[in-house]
Amino acid sequence: MKKILCIAPHPDDETLGCGGSLLRHIEQGDEVHWLIVTAISEGLGFPPARVQARDAEIRAVAEAYGFHMTHRCDLPTMRLDTLPIADVIGAIGQIVSQTGADTLYVPYRNDAHSDHAVVFDAAVACAKSFRYPNVTAVYAYETVSETEFGLKPEDPGFRPNLFVDVAAHIERKIEIMRLFEGEMGAFPFPRSETCLRALGQLRGSQCGKFAAEAFMIVKEIR
């Protein structure tokens, strides 16, 4: 049995990026943990009703997946780049140690959202073999509406070298995504059912499957 830790800068990144793979892990009997790094709050200007609704969404999504446990760092959303990186590493590292995770799913380093870059940097710092010997694999996922809009000229782009067959789980992934109220929209909005299916089919076509999720291997010890 593998111990999986999916590190999401914001709730919904895990579903957009690797929801089908997480469902597959759970089906196979792996222990899957969900770590949400940031949180919204009234102090950040969010209405109380929205904060309460987001908490309810997180509970509903965790139940829909059947995660072994949900962890929250509750760092300020959209402001991770204002924090000392050591604070973010410490928060994530505590969960990596607590769960004993051997496999980490992390956001792509060059996504458009600055929170994703900070989370990637902090997460890979928690994959050092001499500090976290339990971590033997780190995979970067692509996040619709963030990865494709990372327009840094020096970035070669998301170039996957690992594909996971999720044909049996793509519809359930989309059902779970609908639980995030206000995050989905009608095509051509990128976070739409049309785009999620299209990306799944595109990645599937690259590996001979009907639907797939793609990753970049950051670390893998066999």
N, C-alpha and C. Protein backbone atom coordinates (compact mmCIF):
# COMPACT_ATOMS: atom_id res chain seq x y z
N MET A 1 0.84 -1.20 0.00
CA MET A 1 0.00 0.00 0.00
C MET A 1 0.87 1.24 0.00
N LYS A 2 0.57 2.16 -0.89
CA LYS A 2 1.28 3.42 -0.94
C LYS A 2 0.60 4.45 -0.04
N LYS A 3 1.39 5.41 0.43
CA LYS A 3 0.85 6.53 1.17
C LYS A 3 1.02 7.78 0.32
N ILE A 4 -0.10 8.33 -0.11
CA ILE A 4 -0.13 9.43 -1.06
C ILE A 4 -0.48 10.73 -0.34
N LEU A 5 0.26 11.79 -0.64
CA LEU A 5 -0.10 13.12 -0.15
C LEU A 5 -0.24 14.04 -1.35
N CYS A 6 -1.47 14.48 -1.61
CA CYS A 6 -1.71 15.45 -2.67
C CYS A 6 -1.70 16.84 -2.06
N ILE A 7 -0.76 17.67 -2.51
CA ILE A 7 -0.59 19.01 -1.96
C ILE A 7 -1.26 20.01 -2.90
N ALA A 8 -2.32 20.63 -2.42
CA ALA A 8 -3.11 21.57 -3.22
C ALA A 8 -2.93 22.98 -2.67
N PRO A 9 -2.46 23.91 -3.48
CA PRO A 9 -2.39 25.30 -3.00
C PRO A 9 -3.76 25.81 -2.56
N HIS A 10 -4.80 25.47 -3.35
CA HIS A 10 -6.18 25.86 -3.05
C HIS A 10 -7.07 24.64 -3.24
N PRO A 11 -8.17 24.55 -2.48
CA PRO A 11 -9.10 23.45 -2.74
C PRO A 11 -9.67 23.58 -4.15
N ASP A 12 -9.58 22.56 -4.90
CA ASP A 12 -9.97 22.32 -6.29
C ASP A 12 -8.76 22.03 -7.17
N ASP A 13 -7.55 22.47 -6.74
CA ASP A 13 -6.35 22.16 -7.53
C ASP A 13 -6.12 20.65 -7.60
N GLU A 14 -6.40 19.95 -6.49
CA GLU A 14 -6.20 18.50 -6.47
C GLU A 14 -7.11 17.79 -7.48
N THR A 15 -8.34 18.28 -7.61
CA THR A 15 -9.29 17.65 -8.53
C THR A 15 -8.97 17.99 -9.97
N LEU A 16 -8.68 19.26 -10.23
CA LEU A 16 -8.31 19.67 -11.57
C LEU A 16 -7.05 18.97 -12.04
N GLY A 17 -6.07 18.86 -11.15
CA GLY A 17 -4.77 18.35 -11.55
C GLY A 17 -4.63 16.85 -11.55
N CYS A 18 -5.18 16.19 -10.54
CA CYS A 18 -4.96 14.74 -10.44
C CYS A 18 -6.12 14.00 -9.79
N GLY A 19 -7.33 14.53 -9.96
CA GLY A 19 -8.50 13.89 -9.34
C GLY A 19 -8.69 12.45 -9.77
N GLY A 20 -8.51 12.17 -11.05
CA GLY A 20 -8.68 10.81 -11.54
C GLY A 20 -7.63 9.87 -10.97
N SER A 21 -6.41 10.35 -10.85
CA SER A 21 -5.33 9.53 -10.30
C SER A 21 -5.56 9.25 -8.82
N LEU A 22 -6.08 10.25 -8.09
CA LEU A 22 -6.37 10.04 -6.67
C LEU A 22 -7.47 8.99 -6.50
N LEU A 23 -8.50 9.08 -7.34
CA LEU A 23 -9.57 8.07 -7.29
C LEU A 23 -9.02 6.68 -7.60
N ARG A 24 -8.11 6.61 -8.52
CA ARG A 24 -7.49 5.33 -8.87
C ARG A 24 -6.67 4.78 -7.70
N HIS A 25 -5.91 5.66 -7.04
CA HIS A 25 -5.15 5.24 -5.87
C HIS A 25 -6.08 4.67 -4.80
N ILE A 26 -7.17 5.38 -4.54
CA ILE A 26 -8.11 4.94 -3.50
C ILE A 26 -8.73 3.60 -3.88
N GLU A 27 -9.09 3.44 -5.15
CA GLU A 27 -9.66 2.18 -5.63
C GLU A 27 -8.67 1.03 -5.44
N GLN A 28 -7.39 1.32 -5.57
CA GLN A 28 -6.36 0.29 -5.43
C GLN A 28 -6.00 0.01 -3.98
N GLY A 29 -6.60 0.75 -3.05
CA GLY A 29 -6.35 0.52 -1.64
C GLY A 29 -5.23 1.33 -1.03
N ASP A 30 -4.74 2.34 -1.76
CA ASP A 30 -3.69 3.20 -1.21
C ASP A 30 -4.27 4.17 -0.19
N GLU A 31 -3.43 4.63 0.72
CA GLU A 31 -3.84 5.61 1.73
C GLU A 31 -3.59 7.01 1.16
N VAL A 32 -4.66 7.75 0.91
CA VAL A 32 -4.55 9.03 0.23
C VAL A 32 -4.91 10.17 1.18
N HIS A 33 -3.99 11.11 1.32
CA HIS A 33 -4.18 12.30 2.15
C HIS A 33 -4.29 13.53 1.26
N TRP A 34 -5.09 14.47 1.70
CA TRP A 34 -5.28 15.74 0.98
C TRP A 34 -4.78 16.87 1.86
N LEU A 35 -3.81 17.63 1.35
CA LEU A 35 -3.29 18.79 2.07
C LEU A 35 -3.68 20.05 1.32
N ILE A 36 -4.44 20.92 1.98
CA ILE A 36 -4.82 22.22 1.43
C ILE A 36 -3.95 23.27 2.10
N VAL A 37 -3.15 23.97 1.32
CA VAL A 37 -2.16 24.87 1.91
C VAL A 37 -2.76 26.20 2.34
N THR A 38 -3.65 26.77 1.52
CA THR A 38 -4.18 28.09 1.83
C THR A 38 -5.64 28.04 2.28
N ALA A 39 -6.11 29.15 2.79
CA ALA A 39 -7.51 29.26 3.21
C ALA A 39 -7.99 30.68 2.98
N ILE A 40 -9.29 30.80 2.76
CA ILE A 40 -9.92 32.12 2.72
C ILE A 40 -10.41 32.46 4.13
N SER A 41 -10.57 33.74 4.42
CA SER A 41 -11.01 34.16 5.75
C SER A 41 -11.65 35.52 5.66
N GLU A 42 -12.38 35.87 6.72
CA GLU A 42 -12.97 37.21 6.78
C GLU A 42 -11.87 38.27 6.84
N GLY A 43 -10.76 37.92 7.49
CA GLY A 43 -9.65 38.86 7.58
C GLY A 43 -9.05 39.22 6.23
N LEU A 44 -9.24 38.34 5.25
CA LEU A 44 -8.75 38.59 3.90
C LEU A 44 -9.81 39.26 3.03
N GLY A 45 -10.97 39.56 3.64
CA GLY A 45 -12.01 40.26 2.91
C GLY A 45 -13.11 39.39 2.33
N PHE A 46 -13.12 38.12 2.70
CA PHE A 46 -14.17 37.23 2.20
C PHE A 46 -15.39 37.29 3.12
N PRO A 47 -16.59 37.33 2.57
CA PRO A 47 -17.80 37.36 3.40
C PRO A 47 -17.92 36.10 4.26
N PRO A 48 -18.47 36.22 5.46
CA PRO A 48 -18.61 35.05 6.33
C PRO A 48 -19.34 33.89 5.66
N ALA A 49 -20.36 34.20 4.87
CA ALA A 49 -21.12 33.13 4.21
C ALA A 49 -20.24 32.36 3.24
N ARG A 50 -19.32 33.06 2.57
CA ARG A 50 -18.45 32.38 1.61
C ARG A 50 -17.44 31.50 2.33
N VAL A 51 -16.94 31.98 3.46
CA VAL A 51 -15.99 31.19 4.25
C VAL A 51 -16.66 29.90 4.73
N GLN A 52 -17.89 30.03 5.22
CA GLN A 52 -18.62 28.85 5.69
C GLN A 52 -18.94 27.90 4.54
N ALA A 53 -19.29 28.47 3.38
CA ALA A 53 -19.59 27.64 2.22
C ALA A 53 -18.36 26.87 1.76
N ARG A 54 -17.21 27.53 1.78
CA ARG A 54 -15.97 26.85 1.37
C ARG A 54 -15.63 25.70 2.31
N ASP A 55 -15.83 25.88 3.61
CA ASP A 55 -15.61 24.79 4.57
C ASP A 55 -16.53 23.61 4.27
N ALA A 56 -17.77 23.92 3.93
CA ALA A 56 -18.73 22.86 3.60
C ALA A 56 -18.31 22.13 2.31
N GLU A 57 -17.81 22.88 1.34
CA GLU A 57 -17.33 22.27 0.09
C GLU A 57 -16.18 21.32 0.36
N ILE A 58 -15.26 21.74 1.20
CA ILE A 58 -14.10 20.90 1.51
C ILE A 58 -14.55 19.60 2.16
N ARG A 59 -15.49 19.70 3.09
CA ARG A 59 -15.99 18.48 3.74
C ARG A 59 -16.68 17.56 2.73
N ALA A 60 -17.48 18.14 1.83
CA ALA A 60 -18.20 17.35 0.84
C ALA A 60 -17.23 16.68 -0.13
N VAL A 61 -16.20 17.40 -0.55
CA VAL A 61 -15.22 16.84 -1.49
C VAL A 61 -14.42 15.72 -0.82
N ALA A 62 -14.00 15.94 0.41
CA ALA A 62 -13.24 14.91 1.13
C ALA A 62 -14.06 13.64 1.27
N GLU A 63 -15.35 13.80 1.55
CA GLU A 63 -16.23 12.63 1.68
C GLU A 63 -16.43 11.95 0.34
N ALA A 64 -16.56 12.75 -0.73
CA ALA A 64 -16.78 12.18 -2.06
C ALA A 64 -15.59 11.32 -2.50
N TYR A 65 -14.40 11.79 -2.21
CA TYR A 65 -13.21 10.99 -2.55
C TYR A 65 -13.06 9.79 -1.62
N GLY A 66 -13.32 10.02 -0.34
CA GLY A 66 -13.00 9.01 0.66
C GLY A 66 -11.55 9.09 1.09
N PHE A 67 -11.04 10.32 1.23
CA PHE A 67 -9.66 10.50 1.65
C PHE A 67 -9.44 9.92 3.05
N HIS A 68 -8.24 9.42 3.27
CA HIS A 68 -7.89 8.90 4.59
C HIS A 68 -7.94 10.03 5.61
N MET A 69 -7.44 11.22 5.21
CA MET A 69 -7.46 12.37 6.10
C MET A 69 -7.26 13.64 5.27
N THR A 70 -7.86 14.73 5.75
CA THR A 70 -7.68 16.04 5.13
C THR A 70 -6.90 16.93 6.08
N HIS A 71 -5.88 17.58 5.56
CA HIS A 71 -5.01 18.44 6.37
C HIS A 71 -5.08 19.86 5.82
N ARG A 72 -5.00 20.84 6.71
CA ARG A 72 -5.09 22.24 6.29
C ARG A 72 -4.02 23.07 6.98
N CYS A 73 -3.25 23.78 6.19
CA CYS A 73 -2.24 24.70 6.75
C CYS A 73 -2.86 26.06 7.09
N ASP A 74 -3.94 26.42 6.38
CA ASP A 74 -4.66 27.68 6.62
C ASP A 74 -3.77 28.91 6.46
N LEU A 75 -2.86 28.88 5.49
CA LEU A 75 -2.06 30.05 5.17
C LEU A 75 -2.89 30.97 4.26
N PRO A 76 -2.61 32.27 4.24
CA PRO A 76 -3.47 33.20 3.51
C PRO A 76 -3.42 33.00 1.99
N THR A 77 -4.58 32.80 1.40
CA THR A 77 -4.64 32.59 -0.04
C THR A 77 -4.21 33.83 -0.80
N MET A 78 -3.57 33.61 -1.93
CA MET A 78 -3.08 34.67 -2.83
C MET A 78 -1.99 35.53 -2.22
N ARG A 79 -1.45 35.08 -1.07
CA ARG A 79 -0.42 35.87 -0.40
C ARG A 79 0.78 35.04 0.04
N LEU A 80 0.90 33.84 -0.49
CA LEU A 80 2.01 32.99 -0.04
C LEU A 80 3.36 33.60 -0.35
N ASP A 81 3.43 34.38 -1.43
CA ASP A 81 4.72 34.97 -1.79
C ASP A 81 5.11 36.12 -0.87
N THR A 82 4.25 36.47 0.07
CA THR A 82 4.60 37.50 1.06
C THR A 82 5.12 36.88 2.36
N LEU A 83 5.06 35.56 2.45
CA LEU A 83 5.49 34.87 3.67
C LEU A 83 6.93 34.39 3.53
N PRO A 84 7.64 34.26 4.65
CA PRO A 84 8.96 33.61 4.58
C PRO A 84 8.79 32.19 4.08
N ILE A 85 9.60 31.78 3.11
CA ILE A 85 9.45 30.44 2.54
C ILE A 85 9.64 29.37 3.61
N ALA A 86 10.44 29.68 4.63
CA ALA A 86 10.66 28.71 5.71
C ALA A 86 9.36 28.38 6.43
N ASP A 87 8.46 29.35 6.54
CA ASP A 87 7.17 29.11 7.19
C ASP A 87 6.32 28.13 6.38
N VAL A 88 6.36 28.27 5.07
CA VAL A 88 5.58 27.38 4.20
C VAL A 88 6.18 25.98 4.20
N ILE A 89 7.51 25.91 4.14
CA ILE A 89 8.18 24.61 4.19
C ILE A 89 7.86 23.91 5.51
N GLY A 90 7.91 24.66 6.60
CA GLY A 90 7.63 24.07 7.90
C GLY A 90 6.22 23.52 8.00
N ALA A 91 5.24 24.26 7.45
CA ALA A 91 3.85 23.82 7.52
C ALA A 91 3.64 22.56 6.70
N ILE A 92 4.20 22.53 5.49
CA ILE A 92 4.04 21.35 4.63
C ILE A 92 4.86 20.18 5.17
N GLY A 93 6.07 20.46 5.61
CA GLY A 93 6.94 19.41 6.12
C GLY A 93 6.35 18.68 7.31
N GLN A 94 5.63 19.41 8.14
CA GLN A 94 4.99 18.78 9.30
C GLN A 94 4.00 17.71 8.86
N ILE A 95 3.24 17.99 7.79
CA ILE A 95 2.25 17.03 7.30
C ILE A 95 2.94 15.86 6.59
N VAL A 96 4.00 16.16 5.83
CA VAL A 96 4.74 15.08 5.17
C VAL A 96 5.26 14.09 6.21
N SER A 97 5.81 14.60 7.31
CA SER A 97 6.30 13.73 8.37
C SER A 97 5.17 13.01 9.08
N GLN A 98 4.10 13.73 9.37
CA GLN A 98 2.96 13.16 10.10
C GLN A 98 2.32 12.01 9.33
N THR A 99 2.19 12.16 8.03
CA THR A 99 1.51 11.13 7.22
C THR A 99 2.44 10.00 6.83
N GLY A 100 3.74 10.25 6.85
CA GLY A 100 4.68 9.24 6.37
C GLY A 100 4.53 8.99 4.88
N ALA A 101 4.08 10.00 4.15
CA ALA A 101 3.81 9.84 2.72
C ALA A 101 5.06 9.44 1.95
N ASP A 102 4.88 8.51 1.00
CA ASP A 102 5.99 8.14 0.13
C ASP A 102 5.86 8.80 -1.25
N THR A 103 4.66 9.28 -1.59
CA THR A 103 4.42 9.89 -2.90
C THR A 103 3.75 11.24 -2.71
N LEU A 104 4.34 12.27 -3.32
CA LEU A 104 3.77 13.61 -3.26
C LEU A 104 3.30 14.03 -4.65
N TYR A 105 2.10 14.59 -4.72
CA TYR A 105 1.61 15.25 -5.92
C TYR A 105 1.66 16.74 -5.65
N VAL A 106 2.31 17.49 -6.53
CA VAL A 106 2.55 18.92 -6.30
C VAL A 106 2.17 19.71 -7.56
N PRO A 107 1.86 21.00 -7.42
CA PRO A 107 1.54 21.81 -8.60
C PRO A 107 2.80 22.07 -9.43
N TYR A 108 2.58 22.41 -10.68
CA TYR A 108 3.68 22.73 -11.60
C TYR A 108 4.31 24.06 -11.20
N ARG A 109 5.64 24.13 -11.22
CA ARG A 109 6.38 25.29 -10.73
C ARG A 109 6.04 26.59 -11.45
N ASN A 110 5.74 26.52 -12.76
CA ASN A 110 5.56 27.73 -13.54
C ASN A 110 4.10 28.05 -13.86
N ASP A 111 3.18 27.59 -13.03
CA ASP A 111 1.77 27.98 -13.19
C ASP A 111 1.64 29.49 -13.04
N ALA A 112 0.55 30.04 -13.58
CA ALA A 112 0.33 31.48 -13.53
C ALA A 112 0.17 32.00 -12.11
N HIS A 113 -0.42 31.22 -11.23
CA HIS A 113 -0.71 31.67 -9.86
C HIS A 113 0.54 31.58 -9.00
N SER A 114 0.89 32.68 -8.36
CA SER A 114 2.11 32.71 -7.55
C SER A 114 2.05 31.72 -6.38
N ASP A 115 0.86 31.45 -5.85
CA ASP A 115 0.74 30.47 -4.76
C ASP A 115 1.26 29.11 -5.20
N HIS A 116 1.05 28.75 -6.46
CA HIS A 116 1.48 27.45 -6.96
C HIS A 116 3.00 27.34 -6.96
N ALA A 117 3.67 28.42 -7.35
CA ALA A 117 5.13 28.42 -7.37
C ALA A 117 5.69 28.25 -5.96
N VAL A 118 5.11 28.96 -5.01
CA VAL A 118 5.59 28.86 -3.63
C VAL A 118 5.37 27.46 -3.08
N VAL A 119 4.21 26.89 -3.35
CA VAL A 119 3.91 25.55 -2.85
C VAL A 119 4.86 24.52 -3.47
N PHE A 120 5.14 24.67 -4.77
CA PHE A 120 6.09 23.74 -5.40
C PHE A 120 7.44 23.82 -4.70
N ASP A 121 7.96 25.02 -4.54
CA ASP A 121 9.28 25.19 -3.93
C ASP A 121 9.31 24.62 -2.52
N ALA A 122 8.25 24.86 -1.76
CA ALA A 122 8.21 24.35 -0.39
C ALA A 122 8.07 22.83 -0.37
N ALA A 123 7.27 22.30 -1.27
CA ALA A 123 7.04 20.85 -1.30
C ALA A 123 8.29 20.08 -1.68
N VAL A 124 9.02 20.56 -2.69
CA VAL A 124 10.22 19.82 -3.09
C VAL A 124 11.30 19.90 -2.02
N ALA A 125 11.25 20.96 -1.21
CA ALA A 125 12.17 21.04 -0.08
C ALA A 125 11.87 19.96 0.94
N CYS A 126 10.64 19.46 0.90
CA CYS A 126 10.23 18.40 1.82
C CYS A 126 10.41 17.02 1.20
N ALA A 127 11.22 16.95 0.15
CA ALA A 127 11.50 15.66 -0.50
C ALA A 127 12.98 15.31 -0.42
N LYS A 128 13.72 16.05 0.41
CA LYS A 128 15.14 15.74 0.58
C LYS A 128 15.28 14.40 1.29
N SER A 129 16.07 13.51 0.70
CA SER A 129 16.17 12.14 1.23
C SER A 129 16.74 12.10 2.64
N PHE A 130 17.63 13.05 2.98
CA PHE A 130 18.25 13.01 4.29
C PHE A 130 17.35 13.59 5.38
N ARG A 131 16.29 14.30 4.99
CA ARG A 131 15.34 14.83 5.97
C ARG A 131 14.00 14.10 5.95
N TYR A 132 13.58 13.68 4.77
CA TYR A 132 12.29 12.99 4.61
C TYR A 132 12.53 11.70 3.82
N PRO A 133 13.19 10.72 4.44
CA PRO A 133 13.56 9.49 3.71
C PRO A 133 12.37 8.68 3.22
N ASN A 134 11.19 8.95 3.77
CA ASN A 134 10.00 8.22 3.34
C ASN A 134 9.54 8.63 1.95
N VAL A 135 9.89 9.86 1.50
CA VAL A 135 9.42 10.36 0.20
C VAL A 135 10.29 9.79 -0.91
N THR A 136 9.70 8.95 -1.74
CA THR A 136 10.44 8.33 -2.84
C THR A 136 9.95 8.76 -4.21
N ALA A 137 8.84 9.53 -4.26
CA ALA A 137 8.33 9.98 -5.56
C ALA A 137 7.66 11.34 -5.42
N VAL A 138 7.92 12.20 -6.38
CA VAL A 138 7.28 13.51 -6.44
C VAL A 138 6.84 13.74 -7.88
N TYR A 139 5.54 14.01 -8.07
CA TYR A 139 4.99 14.21 -9.41
C TYR A 139 4.30 15.57 -9.47
N ALA A 140 4.60 16.34 -10.50
CA ALA A 140 3.97 17.64 -10.70
C ALA A 140 2.77 17.50 -11.62
N TYR A 141 1.63 18.02 -11.20
CA TYR A 141 0.41 17.94 -11.99
C TYR A 141 0.14 19.26 -12.69
N GLU A 142 -0.67 19.21 -13.74
CA GLU A 142 -1.08 20.42 -14.45
C GLU A 142 -2.47 20.83 -13.97
N THR A 143 -2.68 22.12 -13.82
CA THR A 143 -3.94 22.64 -13.31
C THR A 143 -4.60 23.50 -14.38
N VAL A 144 -5.71 23.02 -14.91
CA VAL A 144 -6.44 23.78 -15.92
C VAL A 144 -6.74 25.18 -15.38
N SER A 145 -6.50 26.20 -16.19
CA SER A 145 -6.69 27.62 -15.90
C SER A 145 -5.48 28.25 -15.23
N GLU A 146 -4.48 27.45 -14.90
CA GLU A 146 -3.25 27.98 -14.31
C GLU A 146 -2.02 27.59 -15.12
N THR A 147 -1.88 26.30 -15.42
CA THR A 147 -0.68 25.83 -16.10
C THR A 147 -0.57 26.41 -17.51
N GLU A 148 -1.69 26.41 -18.24
CA GLU A 148 -1.64 26.88 -19.63
C GLU A 148 -1.51 28.40 -19.72
N PHE A 149 -1.72 29.11 -18.61
CA PHE A 149 -1.61 30.56 -18.62
C PHE A 149 -0.30 31.05 -17.99
N GLY A 150 0.59 30.12 -17.69
CA GLY A 150 1.91 30.50 -17.19
C GLY A 150 2.78 30.92 -18.37
N LEU A 151 2.80 32.20 -18.66
CA LEU A 151 3.40 32.71 -19.90
C LEU A 151 4.81 33.28 -19.72
N LYS A 152 5.61 32.64 -18.90
CA LYS A 152 6.99 33.10 -18.72
C LYS A 152 7.81 32.71 -19.95
N PRO A 153 8.45 33.67 -20.59
CA PRO A 153 9.20 33.37 -21.82
C PRO A 153 10.27 32.30 -21.63
N GLU A 154 10.85 32.24 -20.44
CA GLU A 154 11.93 31.28 -20.21
C GLU A 154 11.44 29.88 -19.88
N ASP A 155 10.13 29.73 -19.67
CA ASP A 155 9.55 28.44 -19.29
C ASP A 155 9.34 27.56 -20.52
N PRO A 156 9.92 26.36 -20.54
CA PRO A 156 9.72 25.47 -21.70
C PRO A 156 8.31 24.89 -21.76
N GLY A 157 7.52 25.12 -20.71
CA GLY A 157 6.16 24.61 -20.69
C GLY A 157 6.04 23.27 -19.99
N PHE A 158 4.81 22.90 -19.68
CA PHE A 158 4.54 21.63 -19.01
C PHE A 158 4.78 20.50 -20.02
N ARG A 159 5.79 19.69 -19.76
CA ARG A 159 6.18 18.62 -20.68
C ARG A 159 6.10 17.29 -19.95
N PRO A 160 4.94 16.64 -19.97
CA PRO A 160 4.74 15.43 -19.17
C PRO A 160 5.56 14.24 -19.65
N ASN A 161 6.01 13.46 -18.68
CA ASN A 161 6.70 12.20 -18.98
C ASN A 161 6.13 11.04 -18.19
N LEU A 162 4.95 11.26 -17.62
CA LEU A 162 4.21 10.21 -16.93
C LEU A 162 2.72 10.38 -17.22
N PHE A 163 2.07 9.32 -17.65
CA PHE A 163 0.65 9.36 -17.96
C PHE A 163 -0.08 8.28 -17.17
N VAL A 164 -1.23 8.65 -16.61
CA VAL A 164 -2.03 7.71 -15.81
C VAL A 164 -3.39 7.55 -16.47
N ASP A 165 -3.77 6.32 -16.74
CA ASP A 165 -5.07 6.01 -17.35
C ASP A 165 -6.18 6.30 -16.34
N VAL A 166 -7.04 7.27 -16.66
CA VAL A 166 -8.15 7.62 -15.76
C VAL A 166 -9.50 7.52 -16.47
N ALA A 167 -9.55 6.73 -17.52
CA ALA A 167 -10.79 6.60 -18.29
C ALA A 167 -11.96 6.15 -17.41
N ALA A 168 -11.67 5.32 -16.43
CA ALA A 168 -12.73 4.81 -15.55
C ALA A 168 -13.14 5.81 -14.49
N HIS A 169 -12.40 6.93 -14.39
CA HIS A 169 -12.62 7.86 -13.28
C HIS A 169 -12.89 9.30 -13.73
N ILE A 170 -12.85 9.57 -15.01
CA ILE A 170 -12.97 10.95 -15.48
C ILE A 170 -14.33 11.55 -15.15
N GLU A 171 -15.39 10.76 -15.27
CA GLU A 171 -16.73 11.30 -14.98
C GLU A 171 -16.90 11.59 -13.50
N ARG A 172 -16.37 10.73 -12.66
CA ARG A 172 -16.44 10.97 -11.21
C ARG A 172 -15.62 12.20 -10.84
N LYS A 173 -14.49 12.38 -11.48
CA LYS A 173 -13.67 13.58 -11.25
C LYS A 173 -14.48 14.83 -11.54
N ILE A 174 -15.20 14.84 -12.64
CA ILE A 174 -16.00 16.01 -13.01
C ILE A 174 -17.16 16.21 -12.03
N GLU A 175 -17.77 15.11 -11.58
CA GLU A 175 -18.83 15.22 -10.59
C GLU A 175 -18.31 15.88 -9.31
N ILE A 176 -17.13 15.49 -8.88
CA ILE A 176 -16.55 16.07 -7.66
C ILE A 176 -16.22 17.53 -7.88
N MET A 177 -15.73 17.85 -9.06
CA MET A 177 -15.39 19.25 -9.35
C MET A 177 -16.62 20.15 -9.24
N ARG A 178 -17.78 19.61 -9.56
CA ARG A 178 -19.02 20.40 -9.47
C ARG A 178 -19.34 20.80 -8.03
N LEU A 179 -18.76 20.12 -7.05
CA LEU A 179 -19.02 20.43 -5.66
C LEU A 179 -18.40 21.77 -5.24
N PHE A 180 -17.44 22.25 -6.03
CA PHE A 180 -16.83 23.55 -5.75
C PHE A 180 -17.70 24.62 -6.39
N GLU A 181 -18.58 25.19 -5.60
CA GLU A 181 -19.54 26.16 -6.11
C GLU A 181 -18.83 27.40 -6.68
N GLY A 182 -19.19 27.76 -7.89
CA GLY A 182 -18.65 28.96 -8.50
C GLY A 182 -17.32 28.77 -9.19
N GLU A 183 -16.70 27.58 -9.10
CA GLU A 183 -15.40 27.37 -9.73
C GLU A 183 -15.54 26.90 -11.18
N MET A 184 -16.65 26.23 -11.49
CA MET A 184 -16.87 25.73 -12.84
C MET A 184 -17.66 26.76 -13.64
N GLY A 185 -17.46 26.78 -14.96
CA GLY A 185 -18.19 27.69 -15.83
C GLY A 185 -18.48 27.01 -17.16
N ALA A 186 -19.19 27.71 -18.02
CA ALA A 186 -19.52 27.18 -19.33
C ALA A 186 -18.36 27.39 -20.29
N PHE A 187 -18.15 26.44 -21.17
CA PHE A 187 -17.12 26.57 -22.20
C PHE A 187 -17.36 27.83 -23.02
N PRO A 188 -16.32 28.61 -23.34
CA PRO A 188 -14.89 28.28 -23.29
C PRO A 188 -14.15 28.63 -22.00
N PHE A 189 -14.87 28.83 -20.90
CA PHE A 189 -14.20 29.01 -19.61
C PHE A 189 -13.32 27.78 -19.37
N PRO A 190 -12.05 27.97 -18.98
CA PRO A 190 -11.14 26.82 -18.88
C PRO A 190 -11.55 25.77 -17.85
N ARG A 191 -12.12 26.21 -16.71
CA ARG A 191 -12.58 25.23 -15.74
C ARG A 191 -14.03 24.87 -16.08
N SER A 192 -14.19 24.15 -17.16
CA SER A 192 -15.50 23.70 -17.62
C SER A 192 -15.44 22.20 -17.87
N GLU A 193 -16.60 21.58 -17.89
CA GLU A 193 -16.64 20.14 -18.15
C GLU A 193 -16.05 19.83 -19.52
N THR A 194 -16.32 20.69 -20.49
CA THR A 194 -15.79 20.48 -21.83
C THR A 194 -14.27 20.45 -21.81
N CYS A 195 -13.66 21.40 -21.12
CA CYS A 195 -12.20 21.47 -21.08
C CYS A 195 -11.59 20.32 -20.30
N LEU A 196 -12.23 19.93 -19.20
CA LEU A 196 -11.69 18.82 -18.42
C LEU A 196 -11.71 17.53 -19.23
N ARG A 197 -12.80 17.30 -19.93
CA ARG A 197 -12.87 16.10 -20.78
C ARG A 197 -11.87 16.19 -21.93
N ALA A 198 -11.76 17.39 -22.53
CA ALA A 198 -10.86 17.56 -23.67
C ALA A 198 -9.41 17.32 -23.26
N LEU A 199 -9.01 17.86 -22.11
CA LEU A 199 -7.65 17.65 -21.64
C LEU A 199 -7.41 16.17 -21.35
N GLY A 200 -8.41 15.52 -20.74
CA GLY A 200 -8.29 14.09 -20.48
C GLY A 200 -8.13 13.29 -21.76
N GLN A 201 -8.88 13.68 -22.78
CA GLN A 201 -8.78 12.98 -24.07
C GLN A 201 -7.45 13.27 -24.75
N LEU A 202 -6.99 14.53 -24.67
CA LEU A 202 -5.69 14.87 -25.25
C LEU A 202 -4.58 14.05 -24.62
N ARG A 203 -4.54 14.02 -23.31
CA ARG A 203 -3.50 13.25 -22.62
C ARG A 203 -3.69 11.75 -22.89
N GLY A 204 -4.94 11.32 -23.02
CA GLY A 204 -5.18 9.93 -23.37
C GLY A 204 -4.64 9.59 -24.74
N SER A 205 -4.81 10.51 -25.69
CA SER A 205 -4.32 10.27 -27.05
C SER A 205 -2.81 10.15 -27.10
N GLN A 206 -2.13 10.73 -26.11
CA GLN A 206 -0.67 10.68 -26.08
C GLN A 206 -0.14 9.38 -25.50
N CYS A 207 -1.04 8.59 -24.92
CA CYS A 207 -0.57 7.33 -24.33
C CYS A 207 -1.45 6.14 -24.71
N GLY A 208 -2.34 6.34 -25.69
CA GLY A 208 -3.15 5.23 -26.17
C GLY A 208 -4.30 4.84 -25.27
N LYS A 209 -4.81 5.80 -24.49
CA LYS A 209 -5.93 5.55 -23.60
C LYS A 209 -7.07 6.51 -23.95
N PHE A 210 -8.29 6.19 -23.46
CA PHE A 210 -9.43 7.06 -23.74
C PHE A 210 -9.39 8.35 -22.93
N ALA A 211 -8.77 8.30 -21.76
CA ALA A 211 -8.59 9.50 -20.93
C ALA A 211 -7.41 9.27 -20.00
N ALA A 212 -6.63 10.32 -19.80
CA ALA A 212 -5.46 10.20 -18.94
C ALA A 212 -5.17 11.52 -18.26
N GLU A 213 -4.40 11.44 -17.18
CA GLU A 213 -3.83 12.63 -16.55
C GLU A 213 -2.33 12.56 -16.73
N ALA A 214 -1.72 13.72 -16.89
CA ALA A 214 -0.30 13.79 -17.21
C ALA A 214 0.48 14.46 -16.09
N PHE A 215 1.71 14.02 -15.90
CA PHE A 215 2.56 14.53 -14.83
C PHE A 215 3.99 14.67 -15.32
N MET A 216 4.72 15.52 -14.63
CA MET A 216 6.16 15.59 -14.82
C MET A 216 6.81 14.94 -13.60
N ILE A 217 7.69 13.99 -13.85
CA ILE A 217 8.38 13.31 -12.75
C ILE A 217 9.45 14.24 -12.22
N VAL A 218 9.30 14.63 -10.96
CA VAL A 218 10.28 15.48 -10.30
C VAL A 218 11.31 14.62 -9.58
N LYS A 219 10.83 13.54 -8.99
CA LYS A 219 11.71 12.62 -8.27
C LYS A 219 11.07 11.25 -8.27
N GLU A 220 11.89 10.22 -8.43
CA GLU A 220 11.37 8.85 -8.35
C GLU A 220 12.52 7.93 -7.99
N ILE A 221 12.37 7.27 -6.86
CA ILE A 221 13.37 6.31 -6.38
C ILE A 221 12.76 4.92 -6.44
N ARG A 222 13.40 4.02 -7.13
CA ARG A 222 12.89 2.65 -7.25
C ARG A 222 13.88 1.66 -6.66
